[in-house]
Every structure is written in C-alpha cells, then in structure tokens.
Amino acid sequence: MKLIKYITAVLFYFIFGRSIFAGFIGFLVGAFISFKLSGGLIGQLSGFGNVAGISGIKTEKQSVFFKTAFTLMGKLAKADGRVSEQEISHVEQFMKQLNMSASHRKQAIEYFKTGSKESYTIDALILEFNSVTAASPNLKQMLMVYLVRVALADGQLHPNETNLMREVAHQLGFSPQAFEQLMAMLQAQDQFAGGAYHRTGGRPGAEGYTSASAIDAAYQALGVSKNDSDAEIKKAYRRLVREFHPDKLMGQGLPEDMIKEATERSQEIHTAYDLIQKSRGFK
C-alpha cells in the first residue's frame, strides 16, 4: 500500500499542473496506477478484475467515477459542436499518460465516444452514479469540480456546456442556486489561483495583489460578498475548509488523487481568505 501511495503521489506531482485538463488527468493517472498496482478494479462497470485490500464499495465508487468522468467528458466535448481534432488528440495523449493497456485504453475511449454521441442521454449514467454515491455528497461535488475544470479547458465556457453541467448538477441533487454559486466560486478560484498573488508570494505590496479585481475574485472564491460581516466570512471559510478536508474525504473512501485535488482547492480557498483578511484588517 505504501508503494502504491508513493507512486501515485509522484505521478500526480509530475502530471498535475495548473492546467485544467492536466488536473483532471492527474486524478485519473493516480487512480489508475493505484488500481493497477492493487490488482485492478473490481466489478464489471469498467471491465477490470478484483482489488485486494480495498473494500468493494470504495472500489465501486472509484469505478463508477472513472466511467462517469470519461463519459461526461465526451458529452462536454460534443456540447459546443462537433468533437474537434484537438480534443481527440488530447484524449489520445491522456491515454498514453495513463499508461493503460490496450484493452483498458479502449474502454476509456469507448466511454468518451459513448458520451460524445449525438443521441446519448445522461439520465441512466447519473442514476447509476447517484445509486453508488448516495452516502457521499462530497463525491458528487468533486465530480462537478472536475467537469467545470474540463469545460473551462479552452479558456471559455460555451452556453451548451453550461446547460449540460446545469442538467448534471440538477440530477445530482444540486439546487439551481447551489449550481450557480459553485460555478462562480470555481471560476473565481481558478482565476485567483493564477493571479499575481501566487506569483508574488502573497506580499501585500506586490503589484496586482490588492487590485479590486483580485479582491473581488477572493470574495467570489469563498462564496461571500463585501457586504458580509467578518463573522459571516469566517463561517463561510470554515465551511469550505471542512468540505475539502482531506481526512473527511478519505473517510468517505475517495481516491487519494481526488484528495490531492481537494487539497489544492483548499489551498486556493485559504489564499483567498488570507487576501480578504489583510484587505479588511481582521484575524
């Protein structure tokens, strides 16, 4: 198990970057390697064998996430029109990075192709996902995190992509308000994470650090407004920290690489909170 965790962490470190698609694939790389070294996935959902030392329910969640992620990735690629050659090239490159066997690569591509079919509907897929993750709301939230990151991979969000993610969120049980807030928060966090604050090490006097746009993004990243009290901002921050807490997610049996993504997201939230603290002068 230690060897699995070590290899997973190393691969994730080299593959995971600030790029949106890299983050998504970083998760899949780590998950696949962990499963591969453990003896393969159990269950028939993704066509792998049994895993020693991992409980069936946890592995089933991982299998269903793998299937759902690749299928919805194909659906998102098709949402803004035809699947481009560039998108196909990306998928092929990702399969190589995953170091999948020919049969496993074929399975992942089939999921993607299934999702990209004009006639494909997501109802049965989400129903299956919901049945497996009923007791794991954080897993549903993390799926939405990855979908938003994938949709933003080209730097813009097509209306059809937004509509698809809204429908996915609805079937996962998110209210319209919760979806809109999640979208705004994730977009702000991505914008904030790549801004001057990170490049300057968070120095208050650095150019761009105290700009109005950076502070606005920080508020959005926490899902709060400038009109909220210090106490309300602290409450929102603590809630987000709990939602992305690694120990809590591990307790739900989520893949270690998803924990890494949550940790990265938690760091962005903390950085946004730090900026708000300094701009408002509270501790």
C-alpha atoms as a PDB file:
ATOM      1  CA  MET A   1       0.000   0.000   0.000  1.00  0.00           C
ATOM      2  CA  LYS A   2       2.862   2.400   0.788  1.00  0.00           C
ATOM      3  CA  LEU A   3       4.356   1.685  -2.627  1.00  0.00           C
ATOM      4  CA  ILE A   4       1.010   2.448  -4.243  1.00  0.00           C
ATOM      5  CA  LYS A   5       0.680   5.739  -2.391  1.00  0.00           C
ATOM      6  CA  TYR A   6       4.257   6.711  -3.224  1.00  0.00           C
ATOM      7  CA  ILE A   7       3.939   6.041  -6.936  1.00  0.00           C
ATOM      8  CA  THR A   8       0.548   7.725  -7.038  1.00  0.00           C
ATOM      9  CA  ALA A   9       1.908  10.821  -5.353  1.00  0.00           C
ATOM     10  CA  VAL A  10       4.946  11.031  -7.632  1.00  0.00           C
ATOM     11  CA  LEU A  11       2.919  10.604 -10.808  1.00  0.00           C
ATOM     12  CA  PHE A  12       0.380  13.093  -9.624  1.00  0.00           C
ATOM     13  CA  TYR A  13       3.123  15.612  -8.852  1.00  0.00           C
ATOM     14  CA  PHE A  14       4.612  15.447 -12.330  1.00  0.00           C
ATOM     15  CA  ILE A  15       1.340  15.342 -14.228  1.00  0.00           C
ATOM     16  CA  PHE A  16      -0.752  17.730 -12.148  1.00  0.00           C
ATOM     17  CA  GLY A  17      -0.387  21.337 -13.179  1.00  0.00           C
ATOM     18  CA  ARG A  18      -2.405  24.494 -13.149  1.00  0.00           C
ATOM     19  CA  SER A  19      -3.819  23.468 -16.498  1.00  0.00           C
ATOM     20  CA  ILE A  20      -7.433  22.342 -16.255  1.00  0.00           C
ATOM     21  CA  PHE A  21      -7.095  19.191 -18.341  1.00  0.00           C
ATOM     22  CA  ALA A  22      -3.875  18.332 -16.501  1.00  0.00           C
ATOM     23  CA  GLY A  23      -5.691  18.448 -13.186  1.00  0.00           C
ATOM     24  CA  PHE A  24      -8.409  16.133 -14.486  1.00  0.00           C
ATOM     25  CA  ILE A  25      -5.959  13.687 -15.987  1.00  0.00           C
ATOM     26  CA  GLY A  26      -3.716  13.882 -12.942  1.00  0.00           C
ATOM     27  CA  PHE A  27      -6.579  12.400 -10.956  1.00  0.00           C
ATOM     28  CA  LEU A  28      -7.163   9.635 -13.467  1.00  0.00           C
ATOM     29  CA  VAL A  29      -3.460   8.793 -13.693  1.00  0.00           C
ATOM     30  CA  GLY A  30      -3.127   8.395  -9.962  1.00  0.00           C
ATOM     31  CA  ALA A  31      -6.367   6.471  -9.650  1.00  0.00           C
ATOM     32  CA  PHE A  32      -5.495   4.107 -12.475  1.00  0.00           C
ATOM     33  CA  ILE A  33      -1.983   3.412 -11.184  1.00  0.00           C
ATOM     34  CA  SER A  34      -3.284   2.784  -7.673  1.00  0.00           C
ATOM     35  CA  PHE A  35      -5.865   0.354  -9.031  1.00  0.00           C
ATOM     36  CA  LYS A  36      -3.366  -1.306 -11.347  1.00  0.00           C
ATOM     37  CA  LEU A  37      -0.794  -1.936  -8.623  1.00  0.00           C
ATOM     38  CA  SER A  38      -3.515  -3.231  -6.318  1.00  0.00           C
ATOM     39  CA  GLY A  39      -4.592  -5.818  -8.850  1.00  0.00           C
ATOM     40  CA  GLY A  40      -7.170  -3.971 -10.908  1.00  0.00           C
ATOM     41  CA  LEU A  41     -10.667  -2.669 -10.280  1.00  0.00           C
ATOM     42  CA  ILE A  42     -13.457  -4.915  -9.077  1.00  0.00           C
ATOM     43  CA  GLY A  43     -16.872  -5.024 -10.620  1.00  0.00           C
ATOM     44  CA  GLN A  44     -17.988  -5.013 -14.210  1.00  0.00           C
ATOM     45  CA  LEU A  45     -18.506  -1.276 -14.655  1.00  0.00           C
ATOM     46  CA  SER A  46     -15.132  -0.635 -16.216  1.00  0.00           C
ATOM     47  CA  GLY A  47     -14.065  -4.153 -17.094  1.00  0.00           C
ATOM     48  CA  PHE A  48     -11.277  -4.679 -14.535  1.00  0.00           C
ATOM     49  CA  GLY A  49     -10.572  -7.514 -12.092  1.00  0.00           C
ATOM     50  CA  ASN A  50     -10.543  -7.683  -8.289  1.00  0.00           C
ATOM     51  CA  VAL A  51      -8.650  -5.442  -5.915  1.00  0.00           C
ATOM     52  CA  ALA A  52      -7.017  -6.883  -2.815  1.00  0.00           C
ATOM     53  CA  GLY A  53      -7.152  -4.815   0.343  1.00  0.00           C
ATOM     54  CA  ILE A  54      -9.759  -2.297  -0.872  1.00  0.00           C
ATOM     55  CA  SER A  55     -13.377  -2.607   0.224  1.00  0.00           C
ATOM     56  CA  GLY A  56     -15.907  -3.322  -2.520  1.00  0.00           C
ATOM     57  CA  ILE A  57     -17.942  -0.185  -2.001  1.00  0.00           C
ATOM     58  CA  LYS A  58     -14.928   2.109  -2.215  1.00  0.00           C
ATOM     59  CA  THR A  59     -13.716   0.444  -5.384  1.00  0.00           C
ATOM     60  CA  GLU A  60     -17.187   0.540  -6.884  1.00  0.00           C
ATOM     61  CA  LYS A  61     -17.301   4.285  -6.290  1.00  0.00           C
ATOM     62  CA  GLN A  62     -13.939   4.671  -7.993  1.00  0.00           C
ATOM     63  CA  SER A  63     -15.042   2.538 -10.941  1.00  0.00           C
ATOM     64  CA  VAL A  64     -18.261   4.456 -11.402  1.00  0.00           C
ATOM     65  CA  PHE A  65     -16.436   7.759 -11.109  1.00  0.00           C
ATOM     66  CA  PHE A  66     -13.997   6.628 -13.830  1.00  0.00           C
ATOM     67  CA  LYS A  67     -16.865   5.674 -16.104  1.00  0.00           C
ATOM     68  CA  THR A  68     -18.924   8.783 -15.370  1.00  0.00           C
ATOM     69  CA  ALA A  69     -15.978  11.149 -15.757  1.00  0.00           C
ATOM     70  CA  PHE A  70     -14.897   9.852 -19.174  1.00  0.00           C
ATOM     71  CA  THR A  71     -18.452   9.629 -20.466  1.00  0.00           C
ATOM     72  CA  LEU A  72     -19.345  13.152 -19.375  1.00  0.00           C
ATOM     73  CA  MET A  73     -16.017  14.364 -20.740  1.00  0.00           C
ATOM     74  CA  GLY A  74     -17.156  13.128 -24.139  1.00  0.00           C
ATOM     75  CA  LYS A  75     -20.547  14.740 -23.663  1.00  0.00           C
ATOM     76  CA  LEU A  76     -18.922  18.078 -22.801  1.00  0.00           C
ATOM     77  CA  ALA A  77     -16.614  17.865 -25.817  1.00  0.00           C
ATOM     78  CA  LYS A  78     -19.657  17.425 -28.047  1.00  0.00           C
ATOM     79  CA  ALA A  79     -21.733  20.097 -26.302  1.00  0.00           C
ATOM     80  CA  ASP A  80     -20.173  23.041 -28.152  1.00  0.00           C
ATOM     81  CA  GLY A  81     -20.498  21.376 -31.571  1.00  0.00           C
ATOM     82  CA  ARG A  82     -18.533  18.560 -33.152  1.00  0.00           C
ATOM     83  CA  VAL A  83     -15.642  16.965 -31.284  1.00  0.00           C
ATOM     84  CA  SER A  84     -12.557  18.691 -32.669  1.00  0.00           C
ATOM     85  CA  GLU A  85      -9.348  17.008 -33.793  1.00  0.00           C
ATOM     86  CA  GLN A  86      -7.571  18.855 -30.998  1.00  0.00           C
ATOM     87  CA  GLU A  87      -9.894  17.332 -28.398  1.00  0.00           C
ATOM     88  CA  ILE A  88      -9.360  13.866 -29.867  1.00  0.00           C
ATOM     89  CA  SER A  89      -5.611  14.435 -29.773  1.00  0.00           C
ATOM     90  CA  HIS A  90      -5.873  15.441 -26.123  1.00  0.00           C
ATOM     91  CA  VAL A  91      -7.716  12.231 -25.263  1.00  0.00           C
ATOM     92  CA  GLU A  92      -5.171  10.071 -27.087  1.00  0.00           C
ATOM     93  CA  GLN A  93      -2.342  11.831 -25.265  1.00  0.00           C
ATOM     94  CA  PHE A  94      -4.088  11.295 -21.947  1.00  0.00           C
ATOM     95  CA  MET A  95      -4.434   7.580 -22.647  1.00  0.00           C
ATOM     96  CA  LYS A  96      -0.686   7.369 -23.193  1.00  0.00           C
ATOM     97  CA  GLN A  97      -0.007   9.274 -19.978  1.00  0.00           C
ATOM     98  CA  LEU A  98      -2.221   6.827 -18.100  1.00  0.00           C
ATOM     99  CA  ASN A  99      -0.024   4.011 -19.418  1.00  0.00           C
ATOM    100  CA  MET A 100      -3.103   1.880 -19.928  1.00  0.00           C
ATOM    101  CA  SER A 101      -3.050  -1.499 -21.538  1.00  0.00           C
ATOM    102  CA  ALA A 102      -4.633  -1.656 -24.976  1.00  0.00           C
ATOM    103  CA  SER A 103      -7.866  -3.109 -23.582  1.00  0.00           C
ATOM    104  CA  HIS A 104      -8.157  -0.539 -20.791  1.00  0.00           C
ATOM    105  CA  ARG A 105      -7.399   2.320 -23.154  1.00  0.00           C
ATOM    106  CA  LYS A 106     -10.101   1.007 -25.437  1.00  0.00           C
ATOM    107  CA  GLN A 107     -12.573   1.002 -22.538  1.00  0.00           C
ATOM    108  CA  ALA A 108     -11.851   4.630 -21.593  1.00  0.00           C
ATOM    109  CA  ILE A 109     -12.118   5.731 -25.223  1.00  0.00           C
ATOM    110  CA  GLU A 110     -15.399   3.863 -25.541  1.00  0.00           C
ATOM    111  CA  TYR A 111     -16.753   5.785 -22.554  1.00  0.00           C
ATOM    112  CA  PHE A 112     -15.692   9.035 -24.218  1.00  0.00           C
ATOM    113  CA  LYS A 113     -17.164   8.029 -27.581  1.00  0.00           C
ATOM    114  CA  THR A 114     -20.397   6.956 -25.923  1.00  0.00           C
ATOM    115  CA  GLY A 115     -20.759  10.342 -24.279  1.00  0.00           C
ATOM    116  CA  SER A 116     -19.969  12.196 -27.494  1.00  0.00           C
ATOM    117  CA  LYS A 117     -22.732  10.505 -29.486  1.00  0.00           C
ATOM    118  CA  GLU A 118     -25.461  12.896 -30.579  1.00  0.00           C
ATOM    119  CA  SER A 119     -28.185  10.584 -29.311  1.00  0.00           C
ATOM    120  CA  TYR A 120     -26.590   9.868 -25.930  1.00  0.00           C
ATOM    121  CA  THR A 121     -28.527  10.921 -22.831  1.00  0.00           C
ATOM    122  CA  ILE A 122     -27.042  11.164 -19.358  1.00  0.00           C
ATOM    123  CA  ASP A 123     -30.060  10.027 -17.327  1.00  0.00           C
ATOM    124  CA  ALA A 124     -29.068   6.374 -16.816  1.00  0.00           C
ATOM    125  CA  LEU A 125     -25.431   7.298 -16.184  1.00  0.00           C
ATOM    126  CA  ILE A 126     -26.313   9.794 -13.459  1.00  0.00           C
ATOM    127  CA  LEU A 127     -28.862   7.399 -11.962  1.00  0.00           C
ATOM    128  CA  GLU A 128     -26.116   4.791 -11.609  1.00  0.00           C
ATOM    129  CA  PHE A 129     -23.716   7.372 -10.188  1.00  0.00           C
ATOM    130  CA  ASN A 130     -26.315   8.533  -7.657  1.00  0.00           C
ATOM    131  CA  SER A 131     -27.079   4.988  -6.540  1.00  0.00           C
ATOM    132  CA  VAL A 132     -23.420   4.366  -5.729  1.00  0.00           C
ATOM    133  CA  THR A 133     -22.636   7.761  -4.191  1.00  0.00           C
ATOM    134  CA  ALA A 134     -25.864   8.327  -2.247  1.00  0.00           C
ATOM    135  CA  ALA A 135     -23.967   8.483   1.050  1.00  0.00           C
ATOM    136  CA  SER A 136     -21.074  10.519  -0.379  1.00  0.00           C
ATOM    137  CA  PRO A 137     -22.241  14.039  -1.286  1.00  0.00           C
ATOM    138  CA  ASN A 138     -18.630  15.203  -1.475  1.00  0.00           C
ATOM    139  CA  LEU A 139     -18.021  12.762  -4.325  1.00  0.00           C
ATOM    140  CA  LYS A 140     -20.818  14.405  -6.281  1.00  0.00           C
ATOM    141  CA  GLN A 141     -19.353  17.820  -5.571  1.00  0.00           C
ATOM    142  CA  MET A 142     -15.905  16.711  -6.709  1.00  0.00           C
ATOM    143  CA  LEU A 143     -17.354  15.361  -9.955  1.00  0.00           C
ATOM    144  CA  MET A 144     -18.792  18.817 -10.600  1.00  0.00           C
ATOM    145  CA  VAL A 145     -15.399  20.357  -9.786  1.00  0.00           C
ATOM    146  CA  TYR A 146     -13.745  18.249 -12.490  1.00  0.00           C
ATOM    147  CA  LEU A 147     -16.482  18.911 -15.036  1.00  0.00           C
ATOM    148  CA  VAL A 148     -16.168  22.657 -14.553  1.00  0.00           C
ATOM    149  CA  ARG A 149     -12.403  22.435 -14.929  1.00  0.00           C
ATOM    150  CA  VAL A 150     -12.742  20.403 -18.138  1.00  0.00           C
ATOM    151  CA  ALA A 151     -15.353  22.769 -19.557  1.00  0.00           C
ATOM    152  CA  LEU A 152     -13.025  25.708 -18.930  1.00  0.00           C
ATOM    153  CA  ALA A 153     -10.051  23.968 -20.527  1.00  0.00           C
ATOM    154  CA  ASP A 154     -10.202  26.098 -23.672  1.00  0.00           C
ATOM    155  CA  GLY A 155     -10.472  29.319 -21.684  1.00  0.00           C
ATOM    156  CA  GLN A 156     -14.139  29.923 -22.380  1.00  0.00           C
ATOM    157  CA  LEU A 157     -17.463  28.448 -21.389  1.00  0.00           C
ATOM    158  CA  HIS A 158     -19.900  27.636 -24.198  1.00  0.00           C
ATOM    159  CA  PRO A 159     -23.612  28.089 -23.329  1.00  0.00           C
ATOM    160  CA  ASN A 160     -24.288  24.465 -24.241  1.00  0.00           C
ATOM    161  CA  GLU A 161     -21.571  23.349 -21.827  1.00  0.00           C
ATOM    162  CA  THR A 162     -23.157  25.414 -19.076  1.00  0.00           C
ATOM    163  CA  ASN A 163     -26.570  23.929 -19.847  1.00  0.00           C
ATOM    164  CA  LEU A 164     -25.175  20.401 -19.738  1.00  0.00           C
ATOM    165  CA  MET A 165     -23.432  20.965 -16.416  1.00  0.00           C
ATOM    166  CA  ARG A 166     -26.581  22.563 -15.047  1.00  0.00           C
ATOM    167  CA  GLU A 167     -28.535  19.442 -16.016  1.00  0.00           C
ATOM    168  CA  VAL A 168     -25.894  17.163 -14.476  1.00  0.00           C
ATOM    169  CA  ALA A 169     -25.954  19.218 -11.281  1.00  0.00           C
ATOM    170  CA  HIS A 170     -29.756  19.047 -11.186  1.00  0.00           C
ATOM    171  CA  GLN A 171     -29.745  15.262 -11.489  1.00  0.00           C
ATOM    172  CA  LEU A 172     -27.051  15.047  -8.818  1.00  0.00           C
ATOM    173  CA  GLY A 173     -29.336  16.941  -6.462  1.00  0.00           C
ATOM    174  CA  PHE A 174     -27.868  20.444  -6.606  1.00  0.00           C
ATOM    175  CA  SER A 175     -30.349  23.313  -6.483  1.00  0.00           C
ATOM    176  CA  PRO A 176     -30.098  25.948  -9.246  1.00  0.00           C
ATOM    177  CA  GLN A 177     -28.743  28.397  -6.686  1.00  0.00           C
ATOM    178  CA  ALA A 178     -26.141  25.910  -5.438  1.00  0.00           C
ATOM    179  CA  PHE A 179     -25.001  25.239  -9.008  1.00  0.00           C
ATOM    180  CA  GLU A 180     -24.647  28.918  -9.872  1.00  0.00           C
ATOM    181  CA  GLN A 181     -22.730  29.551  -6.659  1.00  0.00           C
ATOM    182  CA  LEU A 182     -20.452  26.582  -7.302  1.00  0.00           C
ATOM    183  CA  MET A 183     -19.762  27.776 -10.848  1.00  0.00           C
ATOM    184  CA  ALA A 184     -18.953  31.295  -9.670  1.00  0.00           C
ATOM    185  CA  MET A 185     -16.739  30.011  -6.870  1.00  0.00           C
ATOM    186  CA  LEU A 186     -14.759  27.612  -9.047  1.00  0.00           C
ATOM    187  CA  GLN A 187     -14.240  30.157 -11.816  1.00  0.00           C
ATOM    188  CA  ALA A 188     -13.101  32.720  -9.255  1.00  0.00           C
ATOM    189  CA  GLN A 189     -10.769  30.241  -7.584  1.00  0.00           C
ATOM    190  CA  ASP A 190      -9.160  29.325 -10.913  1.00  0.00           C
ATOM    191  CA  GLN A 191      -8.772  32.980 -11.836  1.00  0.00           C
ATOM    192  CA  PHE A 192      -7.456  33.833  -8.407  1.00  0.00           C
ATOM    193  CA  ALA A 193      -5.040  30.890  -8.255  1.00  0.00           C
ATOM    194  CA  GLY A 194      -3.308  32.007 -11.437  1.00  0.00           C
ATOM    195  CA  GLY A 195      -3.086  35.667 -10.474  1.00  0.00           C
ATOM    196  CA  ALA A 196      -0.409  37.968  -9.102  1.00  0.00           C
ATOM    197  CA  TYR A 197      -0.935  36.809  -5.536  1.00  0.00           C
ATOM    198  CA  HIS A 198       0.651  33.421  -6.222  1.00  0.00           C
ATOM    199  CA  ARG A 199       3.441  34.826  -8.373  1.00  0.00           C
ATOM    200  CA  THR A 200       4.457  37.350  -5.724  1.00  0.00           C
ATOM    201  CA  GLY A 201       4.190  35.010  -2.770  1.00  0.00           C
ATOM    202  CA  GLY A 202       1.237  36.922  -1.366  1.00  0.00           C
ATOM    203  CA  ARG A 203       3.152  40.091  -0.495  1.00  0.00           C
ATOM    204  CA  PRO A 204       0.683  42.882   0.317  1.00  0.00           C
ATOM    205  CA  GLY A 205       2.722  45.479  -1.521  1.00  0.00           C
ATOM    206  CA  ALA A 206       3.137  43.465  -4.684  1.00  0.00           C
ATOM    207  CA  GLU A 207       1.593  44.757  -7.877  1.00  0.00           C
ATOM    208  CA  GLY A 208      -1.857  43.309  -8.510  1.00  0.00           C
ATOM    209  CA  TYR A 209      -2.192  41.809  -5.040  1.00  0.00           C
ATOM    210  CA  THR A 210      -4.542  44.461  -3.717  1.00  0.00           C
ATOM    211  CA  SER A 211      -6.262  45.224  -7.009  1.00  0.00           C
ATOM    212  CA  ALA A 212     -10.034  45.471  -6.908  1.00  0.00           C
ATOM    213  CA  SER A 213     -10.379  42.536  -9.303  1.00  0.00           C
ATOM    214  CA  ALA A 214      -8.193  40.291  -7.133  1.00  0.00           C
ATOM    215  CA  ILE A 215     -10.166  41.142  -4.008  1.00  0.00           C
ATOM    216  CA  ASP A 216     -13.472  40.638  -5.844  1.00  0.00           C
ATOM    217  CA  ALA A 217     -12.245  37.229  -7.005  1.00  0.00           C
ATOM    218  CA  ALA A 218     -11.271  36.362  -3.436  1.00  0.00           C
ATOM    219  CA  TYR A 219     -14.779  37.121  -2.192  1.00  0.00           C
ATOM    220  CA  GLN A 220     -16.286  35.049  -5.000  1.00  0.00           C
ATOM    221  CA  ALA A 221     -13.912  32.183  -4.249  1.00  0.00           C
ATOM    222  CA  LEU A 222     -15.430  31.964  -0.772  1.00  0.00           C
ATOM    223  CA  GLY A 223     -18.987  32.495  -1.973  1.00  0.00           C
ATOM    224  CA  VAL A 224     -19.377  35.690   0.058  1.00  0.00           C
ATOM    225  CA  SER A 225     -19.723  39.413  -0.655  1.00  0.00           C
ATOM    226  CA  LYS A 226     -18.055  42.571   0.571  1.00  0.00           C
ATOM    227  CA  ASN A 227     -21.227  43.408   2.482  1.00  0.00           C
ATOM    228  CA  ASP A 228     -20.958  40.302   4.655  1.00  0.00           C
ATOM    229  CA  SER A 229     -19.641  40.687   8.179  1.00  0.00           C
ATOM    230  CA  ASP A 230     -16.272  39.357   9.289  1.00  0.00           C
ATOM    231  CA  ALA A 231     -18.102  36.636  11.224  1.00  0.00           C
ATOM    232  CA  GLU A 232     -20.051  35.553   8.125  1.00  0.00           C
ATOM    233  CA  ILE A 233     -16.875  35.411   6.056  1.00  0.00           C
ATOM    234  CA  LYS A 234     -15.125  33.323   8.705  1.00  0.00           C
ATOM    235  CA  LYS A 235     -18.106  30.964   8.810  1.00  0.00           C
ATOM    236  CA  ALA A 236     -18.101  30.510   5.024  1.00  0.00           C
ATOM    237  CA  TYR A 237     -14.352  29.907   5.022  1.00  0.00           C
ATOM    238  CA  ARG A 238     -14.561  27.261   7.754  1.00  0.00           C
ATOM    239  CA  ARG A 239     -17.420  25.515   5.944  1.00  0.00           C
ATOM    240  CA  LEU A 240     -15.400  25.284   2.732  1.00  0.00           C
ATOM    241  CA  VAL A 241     -12.363  24.022   4.624  1.00  0.00           C
ATOM    242  CA  ARG A 242     -14.492  21.252   6.150  1.00  0.00           C
ATOM    243  CA  GLU A 243     -15.919  20.277   2.762  1.00  0.00           C
ATOM    244  CA  PHE A 244     -12.459  19.850   1.240  1.00  0.00           C
ATOM    245  CA  HIS A 245     -10.734  18.463   4.348  1.00  0.00           C
ATOM    246  CA  PRO A 246      -8.507  15.511   3.289  1.00  0.00           C
ATOM    247  CA  ASP A 247      -9.273  13.397   6.375  1.00  0.00           C
ATOM    248  CA  LYS A 248     -13.015  13.763   5.870  1.00  0.00           C
ATOM    249  CA  LEU A 249     -12.749  12.815   2.208  1.00  0.00           C
ATOM    250  CA  MET A 250     -10.511   9.849   2.972  1.00  0.00           C
ATOM    251  CA  GLY A 251     -13.082   8.699   5.493  1.00  0.00           C
ATOM    252  CA  GLN A 252     -15.618   8.522   2.663  1.00  0.00           C
ATOM    253  CA  GLY A 253     -13.273   6.277   0.687  1.00  0.00           C
ATOM    254  CA  LEU A 254     -12.455   8.730  -2.093  1.00  0.00           C
ATOM    255  CA  PRO A 255      -9.375   8.133  -4.292  1.00  0.00           C
ATOM    256  CA  GLU A 256      -6.178   9.619  -2.930  1.00  0.00           C
ATOM    257  CA  ASP A 257      -5.725  11.683  -6.075  1.00  0.00           C
ATOM    258  CA  MET A 258      -9.101  13.259  -5.595  1.00  0.00           C
ATOM    259  CA  ILE A 259      -7.880  14.128  -2.102  1.00  0.00           C
ATOM    260  CA  LYS A 260      -4.947  15.905  -3.745  1.00  0.00           C
ATOM    261  CA  GLU A 261      -7.285  17.933  -5.935  1.00  0.00           C
ATOM    262  CA  ALA A 262      -9.336  18.835  -2.868  1.00  0.00           C
ATOM    263  CA  THR A 263      -6.155  19.875  -1.071  1.00  0.00           C
ATOM    264  CA  GLU A 264      -5.197  22.143  -3.969  1.00  0.00           C
ATOM    265  CA  ARG A 265      -8.683  23.634  -3.944  1.00  0.00           C
ATOM    266  CA  SER A 266      -8.464  24.111  -0.169  1.00  0.00           C
ATOM    267  CA  GLN A 267      -5.178  25.966  -0.567  1.00  0.00           C
ATOM    268  CA  GLU A 268      -6.763  28.348  -3.066  1.00  0.00           C
ATOM    269  CA  ILE A 269      -9.606  28.961  -0.625  1.00  0.00           C
ATOM    270  CA  HIS A 270      -7.145  29.659   2.181  1.00  0.00           C
ATOM    271  CA  THR A 271      -5.189  32.061  -0.027  1.00  0.00           C
ATOM    272  CA  ALA A 272      -8.374  33.921  -0.943  1.00  0.00           C
ATOM    273  CA  TYR A 273      -9.325  34.122   2.727  1.00  0.00           C
ATOM    274  CA  ASP A 274      -5.853  35.434   3.580  1.00  0.00           C
ATOM    275  CA  LEU A 275      -6.254  38.194   0.994  1.00  0.00           C
ATOM    276  CA  ILE A 276      -9.634  39.183   2.432  1.00  0.00           C
ATOM    277  CA  GLN A 277      -8.228  39.162   5.959  1.00  0.00           C
ATOM    278  CA  LYS A 278      -5.447  41.541   5.014  1.00  0.00           C
ATOM    279  CA  SER A 279      -7.690  43.832   2.994  1.00  0.00           C
ATOM    280  CA  ARG A 280     -10.203  44.106   5.854  1.00  0.00           C
ATOM    281  CA  GLY A 281      -7.705  44.015   8.706  1.00  0.00           C
ATOM    282  CA  PHE A 282      -9.200  41.186  10.770  1.00  0.00           C
ATOM    283  CA  LYS A 283      -7.693  37.970  12.091  1.00  0.00           C
END
